[in-house]
Amino acid sequence: RYPELFETPIEVPTNWDANTALTNLESALQANPQVDMIFTSSDFLLPQIRAALAQRGLWLPTGQPGHVVLGGLD
């Protein structure tokens, strides 16, 4: 309904491996520091997502500047 709200998604390959997911997410965040939403296909990746965001100071409570919205489907 509001396509102007979203840019082209960045797909991060995981191969269903936690270490691969973390490495690729860290690379994606380095290349795209303006990311403000992450959608994951499985909650098993939440520790890696948290680690990557925390490393960049982006693991913040809702409402704080820099907060990244997390979405998922499992």
Foldseek 3Di string as FASTA:
>chain_A
DCVVVDDDDDDFDDVPPQVSRLVRVLVVCVVPVPAQEDEEADCVNVVSVCVSCVVVVQCDDPPDPNHHHYHYHD
